[in-house]
Amino acid sequence: MRLNSRQGVKPAPTNAAQMAQSAFDTPSAARFSQARPQTGEPGIWHDLTSNQQIHAQGDRVSDDYRASHRAPGYGAHYNKTHNSGYYGALWEKIEKPLIRDVLRPMGGAGRNCLDFACGTGRIANVAAGLFGEVVGADVSKSMLDCAQVPPNVRLLHIDLTRQPLGETFDVTTAFRFFLNAEDQLKRDALKAINEHLKDGGRLVCNVHMNATSPIGLVCRLLNRLFGRTVRHTLSVARFKELLTASGFLVEETIPYGYLPRPGNLLPGVCEALMEPFERASRTLRVPGQLAQHFLVVAKKR
């Protein structure tokens, strides 16, 4: 169905609100320990960040996305999180095939793709099989150190919102970025992406906590109960507004991930039920507003 228009012991929760928050927690950068990067045969490596600085505050919350993204050990922990459980099953059974299907008609041997905030290279690796050249850019050396990519992928340690590449691309991807980036960073990122796209180029991106999904509604309730942002959410309507204001025409939104993520609970159940739950939801035409994730295809105006 397509919709158009870690280590350490946490104290036991002491009340119902804290118990609910614990169920939907994702690991915080503050809890990461130093981890050695994975070894492998990376693609061409460039380090372009000798004069970059980390800013201490974001627009809505005290944690700055750039700073938390660069935390020591973040890359290794990120990979571990997506190798099993809910996110592992989502990636292998739902997300990766969907991304491949969306990108395939946009690709070709003579076309190039920029993976904005490429992290450990999951999306770049998918794009590498569909485009002649892929550039993966990220501010986090911790993330890039864990990336293992083929030779047609260049990895750049750079903040594209502050230091443009001077080249343009047919397609830009940006996954698991816009949800947690503070509002100004969202706008800066979309401006940078627009400037790095060729005329008529496409942005393919996602949001991994839809504000109208069941878990999104729970997160919004927790935010209100605690009087602060416990978990970010973003709706299709709000994200469309941001894209339109940044010079994009939204062509398509695709909901996915109908199985609600129960925090760190029941990882085996999530792995077993992910695909049949998704298939049943589409067969029954469950409204896309109830999916926890959505993918967006937008064209540069």
C-alpha atoms as a PDB file:
ATOM      1  CA  MET A   1       0.000   0.000   0.000  1.00  0.00           C
ATOM      2  CA  ARG A   2       1.348   3.436  -0.896  1.00  0.00           C
ATOM      3  CA  LEU A   3       0.154   6.578   0.766  1.00  0.00           C
ATOM      4  CA  ASN A   4       0.176   9.581  -1.484  1.00  0.00           C
ATOM      5  CA  SER A   5      -0.510  13.298  -0.864  1.00  0.00           C
ATOM      6  CA  ARG A   6      24.109  -0.553  26.237  1.00  0.00           C
ATOM      7  CA  GLN A   7      26.284  -1.668  28.464  1.00  0.00           C
ATOM      8  CA  GLY A   8      25.400  -0.749  32.038  1.00  0.00           C
ATOM      9  CA  VAL A   9      22.523  -1.327  34.412  1.00  0.00           C
ATOM     10  CA  LYS A  10      19.728   1.224  34.447  1.00  0.00           C
ATOM     11  CA  PRO A  11      17.889   1.897  37.692  1.00  0.00           C
ATOM     12  CA  ALA A  12      14.521   0.209  37.966  1.00  0.00           C
ATOM     13  CA  PRO A  13      11.597   2.430  36.872  1.00  0.00           C
ATOM     14  CA  THR A  14       9.771   3.857  39.834  1.00  0.00           C
ATOM     15  CA  ASN A  15       6.439   4.800  38.288  1.00  0.00           C
ATOM     16  CA  ALA A  16       4.190   4.010  35.346  1.00  0.00           C
ATOM     17  CA  ALA A  17       5.534   6.816  33.173  1.00  0.00           C
ATOM     18  CA  GLN A  18       9.129   5.717  33.709  1.00  0.00           C
ATOM     19  CA  MET A  19       8.192   2.114  32.945  1.00  0.00           C
ATOM     20  CA  ALA A  20       6.594   3.216  29.692  1.00  0.00           C
ATOM     21  CA  GLN A  21       9.640   5.292  28.803  1.00  0.00           C
ATOM     22  CA  SER A  22      11.955   2.358  29.518  1.00  0.00           C
ATOM     23  CA  ALA A  23      10.040   0.167  27.098  1.00  0.00           C
ATOM     24  CA  PHE A  24      10.648   2.559  24.220  1.00  0.00           C
ATOM     25  CA  ASP A  25      14.162   3.695  25.099  1.00  0.00           C
ATOM     26  CA  THR A  26      16.869   3.685  22.494  1.00  0.00           C
ATOM     27  CA  PRO A  27      20.482   3.738  23.681  1.00  0.00           C
ATOM     28  CA  SER A  28      21.855   7.179  24.411  1.00  0.00           C
ATOM     29  CA  ALA A  29      25.239   8.372  23.248  1.00  0.00           C
ATOM     30  CA  ALA A  30      26.067   9.099  26.873  1.00  0.00           C
ATOM     31  CA  ARG A  31      26.083   5.369  27.625  1.00  0.00           C
ATOM     32  CA  PHE A  32      28.426   4.338  24.799  1.00  0.00           C
ATOM     33  CA  SER A  33      31.847   3.019  25.722  1.00  0.00           C
ATOM     34  CA  GLN A  34      34.870   3.319  23.454  1.00  0.00           C
ATOM     35  CA  ALA A  35      34.810   0.616  20.808  1.00  0.00           C
ATOM     36  CA  ARG A  36      37.400  -0.412  18.258  1.00  0.00           C
ATOM     37  CA  PRO A  37      36.294   0.116  14.658  1.00  0.00           C
ATOM     38  CA  GLN A  38      35.659  -2.890  12.506  1.00  0.00           C
ATOM     39  CA  THR A  39      38.331  -3.825  10.027  1.00  0.00           C
ATOM     40  CA  GLY A  40      37.712  -4.502   6.373  1.00  0.00           C
ATOM     41  CA  GLU A  41      38.374  -3.180   2.895  1.00  0.00           C
ATOM     42  CA  PRO A  42      36.707   0.238   2.732  1.00  0.00           C
ATOM     43  CA  GLY A  43      36.251   2.255  -0.411  1.00  0.00           C
ATOM     44  CA  ILE A  44      38.227   5.444  -1.100  1.00  0.00           C
ATOM     45  CA  TRP A  45      38.604   7.396   2.155  1.00  0.00           C
ATOM     46  CA  HIS A  46      38.900  11.155   2.541  1.00  0.00           C
ATOM     47  CA  ASP A  47      39.073  13.152   5.794  1.00  0.00           C
ATOM     48  CA  LEU A  48      37.844  16.698   5.282  1.00  0.00           C
ATOM     49  CA  THR A  49      37.019  17.795   8.820  1.00  0.00           C
ATOM     50  CA  SER A  50      40.146  19.298  10.330  1.00  0.00           C
ATOM     51  CA  ASN A  51      38.420  22.572  11.235  1.00  0.00           C
ATOM     52  CA  GLN A  52      34.950  21.329  12.207  1.00  0.00           C
ATOM     53  CA  GLN A  53      33.504  22.090  15.612  1.00  0.00           C
ATOM     54  CA  ILE A  54      30.843  20.406  17.721  1.00  0.00           C
ATOM     55  CA  HIS A  55      27.951  22.566  18.885  1.00  0.00           C
ATOM     56  CA  ALA A  56      26.541  21.924  22.329  1.00  0.00           C
ATOM     57  CA  GLN A  57      22.826  22.580  21.968  1.00  0.00           C
ATOM     58  CA  GLY A  58      19.990  21.850  19.580  1.00  0.00           C
ATOM     59  CA  ASP A  59      16.724  23.690  18.915  1.00  0.00           C
ATOM     60  CA  ARG A  60      14.316  21.519  20.916  1.00  0.00           C
ATOM     61  CA  VAL A  61      16.434  19.437  23.282  1.00  0.00           C
ATOM     62  CA  SER A  62      19.782  19.874  25.004  1.00  0.00           C
ATOM     63  CA  ASP A  63      21.450  16.996  23.140  1.00  0.00           C
ATOM     64  CA  ASP A  64      22.966  18.127  19.837  1.00  0.00           C
ATOM     65  CA  TYR A  65      22.532  15.636  16.999  1.00  0.00           C
ATOM     66  CA  ARG A  66      26.014  16.188  15.600  1.00  0.00           C
ATOM     67  CA  ALA A  67      27.598  15.652  19.006  1.00  0.00           C
ATOM     68  CA  SER A  68      25.633  12.506  19.874  1.00  0.00           C
ATOM     69  CA  HIS A  69      26.226  11.093  16.384  1.00  0.00           C
ATOM     70  CA  ARG A  70      29.985  11.450  16.900  1.00  0.00           C
ATOM     71  CA  ALA A  71      30.063   9.723  20.288  1.00  0.00           C
ATOM     72  CA  PRO A  72      32.920   7.202  20.710  1.00  0.00           C
ATOM     73  CA  GLY A  73      31.680   3.707  20.025  1.00  0.00           C
ATOM     74  CA  TYR A  74      28.471   4.902  18.371  1.00  0.00           C
ATOM     75  CA  GLY A  75      29.197   3.209  15.048  1.00  0.00           C
ATOM     76  CA  ALA A  76      29.829  -0.230  16.533  1.00  0.00           C
ATOM     77  CA  HIS A  77      26.729   0.046  18.706  1.00  0.00           C
ATOM     78  CA  TYR A  78      24.627   1.218  15.763  1.00  0.00           C
ATOM     79  CA  ASN A  79      25.670  -1.812  13.719  1.00  0.00           C
ATOM     80  CA  LYS A  80      24.904  -4.132  16.625  1.00  0.00           C
ATOM     81  CA  THR A  81      21.443  -2.594  17.043  1.00  0.00           C
ATOM     82  CA  HIS A  82      20.588  -3.259  13.397  1.00  0.00           C
ATOM     83  CA  ASN A  83      21.921  -6.803  13.240  1.00  0.00           C
ATOM     84  CA  SER A  84      19.111  -8.439  15.225  1.00  0.00           C
ATOM     85  CA  GLY A  85      15.753  -7.890  16.889  1.00  0.00           C
ATOM     86  CA  TYR A  86      13.196  -5.432  15.580  1.00  0.00           C
ATOM     87  CA  TYR A  87      15.569  -3.247  13.576  1.00  0.00           C
ATOM     88  CA  GLY A  88      17.493  -6.210  12.166  1.00  0.00           C
ATOM     89  CA  ALA A  89      14.289  -7.835  10.915  1.00  0.00           C
ATOM     90  CA  LEU A  90      12.950  -4.528   9.632  1.00  0.00           C
ATOM     91  CA  TRP A  91      16.128  -3.904   7.647  1.00  0.00           C
ATOM     92  CA  GLU A  92      16.534  -7.344   6.105  1.00  0.00           C
ATOM     93  CA  LYS A  93      12.891  -8.204   5.448  1.00  0.00           C
ATOM     94  CA  ILE A  94      11.207  -4.861   4.766  1.00  0.00           C
ATOM     95  CA  GLU A  95      13.446  -1.828   4.478  1.00  0.00           C
ATOM     96  CA  LYS A  96      16.326  -3.033   2.280  1.00  0.00           C
ATOM     97  CA  PRO A  97      14.072  -4.587  -0.396  1.00  0.00           C
ATOM     98  CA  LEU A  98      11.897  -1.461  -0.407  1.00  0.00           C
ATOM     99  CA  ILE A  99      14.875   0.882  -0.800  1.00  0.00           C
ATOM    100  CA  ARG A 100      16.288  -1.258  -3.597  1.00  0.00           C
ATOM    101  CA  ASP A 101      12.956  -1.237  -5.441  1.00  0.00           C
ATOM    102  CA  VAL A 102      12.630   2.546  -5.116  1.00  0.00           C
ATOM    103  CA  LEU A 103      16.217   3.311  -6.167  1.00  0.00           C
ATOM    104  CA  ARG A 104      16.506   0.802  -9.025  1.00  0.00           C
ATOM    105  CA  PRO A 105      14.650   2.855 -11.697  1.00  0.00           C
ATOM    106  CA  MET A 106      16.653   5.933 -10.682  1.00  0.00           C
ATOM    107  CA  GLY A 107      20.017   4.194 -11.074  1.00  0.00           C
ATOM    108  CA  GLY A 108      22.322   3.251 -13.910  1.00  0.00           C
ATOM    109  CA  ALA A 109      26.016   2.870 -14.680  1.00  0.00           C
ATOM    110  CA  GLY A 110      26.330   6.527 -15.689  1.00  0.00           C
ATOM    111  CA  ARG A 111      24.452   7.941 -12.700  1.00  0.00           C
ATOM    112  CA  ASN A 112      25.670   8.914  -9.239  1.00  0.00           C
ATOM    113  CA  CYS A 113      24.190   8.937  -5.750  1.00  0.00           C
ATOM    114  CA  LEU A 114      25.016  10.867  -2.594  1.00  0.00           C
ATOM    115  CA  ASP A 115      24.237   9.147   0.705  1.00  0.00           C
ATOM    116  CA  PHE A 116      23.822  12.044   3.146  1.00  0.00           C
ATOM    117  CA  ALA A 117      24.587  11.104   6.776  1.00  0.00           C
ATOM    118  CA  CYS A 118      25.662   7.692   5.498  1.00  0.00           C
ATOM    119  CA  GLY A 119      26.636   6.350   8.926  1.00  0.00           C
ATOM    120  CA  THR A 120      28.024   2.821   8.700  1.00  0.00           C
ATOM    121  CA  GLY A 121      27.157   2.516   5.010  1.00  0.00           C
ATOM    122  CA  ARG A 122      23.997   0.392   4.952  1.00  0.00           C
ATOM    123  CA  ILE A 123      22.234   2.541   2.337  1.00  0.00           C
ATOM    124  CA  ALA A 124      25.465   3.245   0.436  1.00  0.00           C
ATOM    125  CA  ASN A 125      25.970  -0.495  -0.004  1.00  0.00           C
ATOM    126  CA  VAL A 126      22.490  -0.886  -1.484  1.00  0.00           C
ATOM    127  CA  ALA A 127      23.031   2.104  -3.783  1.00  0.00           C
ATOM    128  CA  ALA A 128      26.440   0.768  -4.870  1.00  0.00           C
ATOM    129  CA  GLY A 129      24.754  -2.066  -6.746  1.00  0.00           C
ATOM    130  CA  LEU A 130      22.478   0.335  -8.625  1.00  0.00           C
ATOM    131  CA  PHE A 131      24.634   3.400  -9.411  1.00  0.00           C
ATOM    132  CA  GLY A 132      27.984   3.807 -11.113  1.00  0.00           C
ATOM    133  CA  GLU A 133      29.324   6.000  -8.302  1.00  0.00           C
ATOM    134  CA  VAL A 134      28.200   6.535  -4.718  1.00  0.00           C
ATOM    135  CA  VAL A 135      29.509   9.121  -2.269  1.00  0.00           C
ATOM    136  CA  GLY A 136      28.805   8.568   1.425  1.00  0.00           C
ATOM    137  CA  ALA A 137      29.191  11.641   3.659  1.00  0.00           C
ATOM    138  CA  ASP A 138      28.974  11.796   7.438  1.00  0.00           C
ATOM    139  CA  VAL A 139      30.215  13.974  10.312  1.00  0.00           C
ATOM    140  CA  SER A 140      30.948  10.934  12.487  1.00  0.00           C
ATOM    141  CA  LYS A 141      34.306   9.198  12.159  1.00  0.00           C
ATOM    142  CA  SER A 142      33.005   6.656  14.674  1.00  0.00           C
ATOM    143  CA  MET A 143      30.319   5.672  12.184  1.00  0.00           C
ATOM    144  CA  LEU A 144      32.548   5.773   9.117  1.00  0.00           C
ATOM    145  CA  ASP A 145      35.188   3.623  10.814  1.00  0.00           C
ATOM    146  CA  CYS A 146      32.620   0.803  10.857  1.00  0.00           C
ATOM    147  CA  ALA A 147      31.641   1.144   7.199  1.00  0.00           C
ATOM    148  CA  GLN A 148      32.634  -1.619   4.793  1.00  0.00           C
ATOM    149  CA  VAL A 149      31.820  -0.612   1.236  1.00  0.00           C
ATOM    150  CA  PRO A 150      32.720  -1.666  -2.341  1.00  0.00           C
ATOM    151  CA  PRO A 151      35.234   0.229  -4.510  1.00  0.00           C
ATOM    152  CA  ASN A 152      32.631   2.397  -6.254  1.00  0.00           C
ATOM    153  CA  VAL A 153      31.764   4.077  -2.926  1.00  0.00           C
ATOM    154  CA  ARG A 154      33.748   7.092  -1.683  1.00  0.00           C
ATOM    155  CA  LEU A 155      33.448   7.847   2.020  1.00  0.00           C
ATOM    156  CA  LEU A 156      33.836  11.456   3.109  1.00  0.00           C
ATOM    157  CA  HIS A 157      34.269  12.620   6.700  1.00  0.00           C
ATOM    158  CA  ILE A 158      32.590  15.982   6.209  1.00  0.00           C
ATOM    159  CA  ASP A 159      29.656  18.141   7.289  1.00  0.00           C
ATOM    160  CA  LEU A 160      27.927  18.985   4.018  1.00  0.00           C
ATOM    161  CA  THR A 161      25.807  21.672   5.692  1.00  0.00           C
ATOM    162  CA  ARG A 162      29.007  23.675   6.233  1.00  0.00           C
ATOM    163  CA  GLN A 163      31.389  22.462   3.544  1.00  0.00           C
ATOM    164  CA  PRO A 164      29.874  21.762   0.095  1.00  0.00           C
ATOM    165  CA  LEU A 165      31.519  19.240  -2.215  1.00  0.00           C
ATOM    166  CA  GLY A 166      31.359  21.284  -5.391  1.00  0.00           C
ATOM    167  CA  GLU A 167      29.685  18.441  -7.309  1.00  0.00           C
ATOM    168  CA  THR A 168      26.089  17.409  -7.927  1.00  0.00           C
ATOM    169  CA  PHE A 169      24.225  14.103  -7.955  1.00  0.00           C
ATOM    170  CA  ASP A 170      21.307  12.432  -9.674  1.00  0.00           C
ATOM    171  CA  VAL A 171      19.942  11.059  -6.395  1.00  0.00           C
ATOM    172  CA  THR A 172      20.535  11.745  -2.709  1.00  0.00           C
ATOM    173  CA  THR A 173      19.533   9.354   0.051  1.00  0.00           C
ATOM    174  CA  ALA A 174      19.169  10.327   3.726  1.00  0.00           C
ATOM    175  CA  PHE A 175      18.003   7.634   6.142  1.00  0.00           C
ATOM    176  CA  ARG A 176      17.502   7.737   9.910  1.00  0.00           C
ATOM    177  CA  PHE A 177      18.545  11.387   9.986  1.00  0.00           C
ATOM    178  CA  PHE A 178      15.619  13.794   9.853  1.00  0.00           C
ATOM    179  CA  LEU A 179      13.720  12.436  12.852  1.00  0.00           C
ATOM    180  CA  ASN A 180      16.358  13.224  15.482  1.00  0.00           C
ATOM    181  CA  ALA A 181      18.021  16.249  13.895  1.00  0.00           C
ATOM    182  CA  GLU A 182      16.997  19.499  15.546  1.00  0.00           C
ATOM    183  CA  ASP A 183      14.772  21.786  13.464  1.00  0.00           C
ATOM    184  CA  GLN A 184      17.519  24.112  12.234  1.00  0.00           C
ATOM    185  CA  LEU A 185      19.698  21.165  11.273  1.00  0.00           C
ATOM    186  CA  LYS A 186      16.773  19.675   9.321  1.00  0.00           C
ATOM    187  CA  ARG A 187      16.481  22.904   7.347  1.00  0.00           C
ATOM    188  CA  ASP A 188      20.252  23.198   6.841  1.00  0.00           C
ATOM    189  CA  ALA A 189      20.451  19.586   5.680  1.00  0.00           C
ATOM    190  CA  LEU A 190      17.609  19.968   3.175  1.00  0.00           C
ATOM    191  CA  LYS A 191      19.214  23.137   1.804  1.00  0.00           C
ATOM    192  CA  ALA A 192      22.557  21.354   1.407  1.00  0.00           C
ATOM    193  CA  ILE A 193      20.920  18.319  -0.211  1.00  0.00           C
ATOM    194  CA  ASN A 194      19.013  20.541  -2.645  1.00  0.00           C
ATOM    195  CA  GLU A 195      22.237  22.303  -3.624  1.00  0.00           C
ATOM    196  CA  HIS A 196      24.007  18.973  -4.207  1.00  0.00           C
ATOM    197  CA  LEU A 197      21.267  17.635  -6.495  1.00  0.00           C
ATOM    198  CA  LYS A 198      21.204  18.095 -10.240  1.00  0.00           C
ATOM    199  CA  ASP A 199      18.163  19.831 -11.723  1.00  0.00           C
ATOM    200  CA  GLY A 200      15.256  17.422 -11.354  1.00  0.00           C
ATOM    201  CA  GLY A 201      17.270  15.162  -9.048  1.00  0.00           C
ATOM    202  CA  ARG A 202      15.545  13.062  -6.387  1.00  0.00           C
ATOM    203  CA  LEU A 203      15.816  12.851  -2.636  1.00  0.00           C
ATOM    204  CA  VAL A 204      14.920   9.457  -1.160  1.00  0.00           C
ATOM    205  CA  CYS A 205      14.705   9.525   2.634  1.00  0.00           C
ATOM    206  CA  ASN A 206      12.789   8.146   5.588  1.00  0.00           C
ATOM    207  CA  VAL A 207      11.390   8.936   9.017  1.00  0.00           C
ATOM    208  CA  HIS A 208      11.556   6.097  11.535  1.00  0.00           C
ATOM    209  CA  MET A 209       8.987   7.264  14.091  1.00  0.00           C
ATOM    210  CA  ASN A 210       5.763   8.342  12.414  1.00  0.00           C
ATOM    211  CA  ALA A 211       3.890  10.631  14.812  1.00  0.00           C
ATOM    212  CA  THR A 212       0.522   9.071  13.909  1.00  0.00           C
ATOM    213  CA  SER A 213       1.576   5.434  14.460  1.00  0.00           C
ATOM    214  CA  PRO A 214       0.609   3.641  17.702  1.00  0.00           C
ATOM    215  CA  ILE A 215       4.126   3.911  19.120  1.00  0.00           C
ATOM    216  CA  GLY A 216       4.377   7.479  17.840  1.00  0.00           C
ATOM    217  CA  LEU A 217       1.248   8.358  19.815  1.00  0.00           C
ATOM    218  CA  VAL A 218       2.728   6.720  22.925  1.00  0.00           C
ATOM    219  CA  CYS A 219       5.938   8.702  22.492  1.00  0.00           C
ATOM    220  CA  ARG A 220       4.009  11.941  22.156  1.00  0.00           C
ATOM    221  CA  LEU A 221       2.131  11.095  25.342  1.00  0.00           C
ATOM    222  CA  LEU A 222       5.407  10.428  27.154  1.00  0.00           C
ATOM    223  CA  ASN A 223       6.791  13.744  25.933  1.00  0.00           C
ATOM    224  CA  ARG A 224       3.779  15.495  27.414  1.00  0.00           C
ATOM    225  CA  LEU A 225       3.922  13.558  30.698  1.00  0.00           C
ATOM    226  CA  PHE A 226       7.607  14.280  31.200  1.00  0.00           C
ATOM    227  CA  GLY A 227       7.399  17.863  29.940  1.00  0.00           C
ATOM    228  CA  ARG A 228      10.350  17.296  27.602  1.00  0.00           C
ATOM    229  CA  THR A 229      11.266  15.385  24.458  1.00  0.00           C
ATOM    230  CA  VAL A 230      11.717  11.780  25.524  1.00  0.00           C
ATOM    231  CA  ARG A 231      11.396  10.442  21.972  1.00  0.00           C
ATOM    232  CA  HIS A 232      11.178  12.397  18.740  1.00  0.00           C
ATOM    233  CA  THR A 233       8.270  11.881  16.347  1.00  0.00           C
ATOM    234  CA  LEU A 234       7.542  13.365  12.928  1.00  0.00           C
ATOM    235  CA  SER A 235       4.371  13.161  10.845  1.00  0.00           C
ATOM    236  CA  VAL A 236       4.050  12.842   7.081  1.00  0.00           C
ATOM    237  CA  ALA A 237       2.252  16.188   6.916  1.00  0.00           C
ATOM    238  CA  ARG A 238       4.939  18.046   8.884  1.00  0.00           C
ATOM    239  CA  PHE A 239       7.767  16.502   6.887  1.00  0.00           C
ATOM    240  CA  LYS A 240       6.049  17.427   3.621  1.00  0.00           C
ATOM    241  CA  GLU A 241       5.884  21.022   4.843  1.00  0.00           C
ATOM    242  CA  LEU A 242       9.626  21.016   5.532  1.00  0.00           C
ATOM    243  CA  LEU A 243      10.408  19.521   2.128  1.00  0.00           C
ATOM    244  CA  THR A 244       8.171  21.955   0.265  1.00  0.00           C
ATOM    245  CA  ALA A 245       9.686  24.935   2.090  1.00  0.00           C
ATOM    246  CA  SER A 246      13.169  23.679   1.143  1.00  0.00           C
ATOM    247  CA  GLY A 247      12.577  23.552  -2.605  1.00  0.00           C
ATOM    248  CA  PHE A 248      11.284  20.008  -3.085  1.00  0.00           C
ATOM    249  CA  LEU A 249       8.166  18.564  -4.664  1.00  0.00           C
ATOM    250  CA  VAL A 250       7.003  15.462  -2.792  1.00  0.00           C
ATOM    251  CA  GLU A 251       6.215  12.786  -5.363  1.00  0.00           C
ATOM    252  CA  GLU A 252       5.458   9.796  -3.172  1.00  0.00           C
ATOM    253  CA  THR A 253       5.306   8.630   0.437  1.00  0.00           C
ATOM    254  CA  ILE A 254       5.446   4.938   1.264  1.00  0.00           C
ATOM    255  CA  PRO A 255       4.460   3.670   4.732  1.00  0.00           C
ATOM    256  CA  TYR A 256       6.175   0.564   6.113  1.00  0.00           C
ATOM    257  CA  GLY A 257       6.885  -1.134   9.405  1.00  0.00           C
ATOM    258  CA  TYR A 258       3.345  -1.840  10.630  1.00  0.00           C
ATOM    259  CA  LEU A 259       4.535  -4.059  13.477  1.00  0.00           C
ATOM    260  CA  PRO A 260       4.896  -1.710  16.485  1.00  0.00           C
ATOM    261  CA  ARG A 261       8.384  -1.695  17.956  1.00  0.00           C
ATOM    262  CA  PRO A 262       8.164  -2.755  21.635  1.00  0.00           C
ATOM    263  CA  GLY A 263      11.439  -1.160  22.712  1.00  0.00           C
ATOM    264  CA  ASN A 264      14.017  -3.794  23.682  1.00  0.00           C
ATOM    265  CA  LEU A 265      11.326  -6.343  24.529  1.00  0.00           C
ATOM    266  CA  LEU A 266      10.704  -9.600  22.651  1.00  0.00           C
ATOM    267  CA  PRO A 267      13.372  -9.340  19.916  1.00  0.00           C
ATOM    268  CA  GLY A 268      12.762 -12.921  18.757  1.00  0.00           C
ATOM    269  CA  VAL A 269       9.039 -12.311  18.388  1.00  0.00           C
ATOM    270  CA  CYS A 270       9.749  -9.216  16.298  1.00  0.00           C
ATOM    271  CA  GLU A 271      12.046 -11.193  14.011  1.00  0.00           C
ATOM    272  CA  ALA A 272       9.441 -13.921  13.513  1.00  0.00           C
ATOM    273  CA  LEU A 273       6.411 -11.675  13.052  1.00  0.00           C
ATOM    274  CA  MET A 274       7.874  -8.773  11.065  1.00  0.00           C
ATOM    275  CA  GLU A 275       7.278 -10.072   7.548  1.00  0.00           C
ATOM    276  CA  PRO A 276       3.871 -11.781   8.045  1.00  0.00           C
ATOM    277  CA  PHE A 277       2.582  -8.776  10.003  1.00  0.00           C
ATOM    278  CA  GLU A 278       3.659  -6.455   7.190  1.00  0.00           C
ATOM    279  CA  ARG A 279       2.084  -8.672   4.546  1.00  0.00           C
ATOM    280  CA  ALA A 280      -1.183  -8.973   6.475  1.00  0.00           C
ATOM    281  CA  SER A 281      -1.335  -5.203   7.049  1.00  0.00           C
ATOM    282  CA  ARG A 282      -1.010  -4.519   3.339  1.00  0.00           C
ATOM    283  CA  THR A 283      -3.513  -7.226   2.407  1.00  0.00           C
ATOM    284  CA  LEU A 284      -6.008  -5.751   4.863  1.00  0.00           C
ATOM    285  CA  ARG A 285      -5.228  -2.218   3.615  1.00  0.00           C
ATOM    286  CA  VAL A 286      -4.339  -0.913   7.056  1.00  0.00           C
ATOM    287  CA  PRO A 287      -4.039   2.896   6.758  1.00  0.00           C
ATOM    288  CA  GLY A 288      -0.514   4.131   6.194  1.00  0.00           C
ATOM    289  CA  GLN A 289      -0.882   6.563   9.077  1.00  0.00           C
ATOM    290  CA  LEU A 290      -0.542   3.561  11.426  1.00  0.00           C
ATOM    291  CA  ALA A 291       2.838   2.440  10.057  1.00  0.00           C
ATOM    292  CA  GLN A 292       5.776   3.318  12.293  1.00  0.00           C
ATOM    293  CA  HIS A 293       8.028   4.336   9.383  1.00  0.00           C
ATOM    294  CA  PHE A 294       7.602   6.070   6.067  1.00  0.00           C
ATOM    295  CA  LEU A 295       9.790   6.611   3.028  1.00  0.00           C
ATOM    296  CA  VAL A 296       9.594   9.771   0.936  1.00  0.00           C
ATOM    297  CA  VAL A 297      10.563  10.446  -2.667  1.00  0.00           C
ATOM    298  CA  ALA A 298      10.910  14.141  -3.450  1.00  0.00           C
ATOM    299  CA  LYS A 299      12.080  15.970  -6.580  1.00  0.00           C
ATOM    300  CA  LYS A 300      14.239  19.087  -6.644  1.00  0.00           C
ATOM    301  CA  ARG A 301      12.127  21.946  -8.013  1.00  0.00           C
END
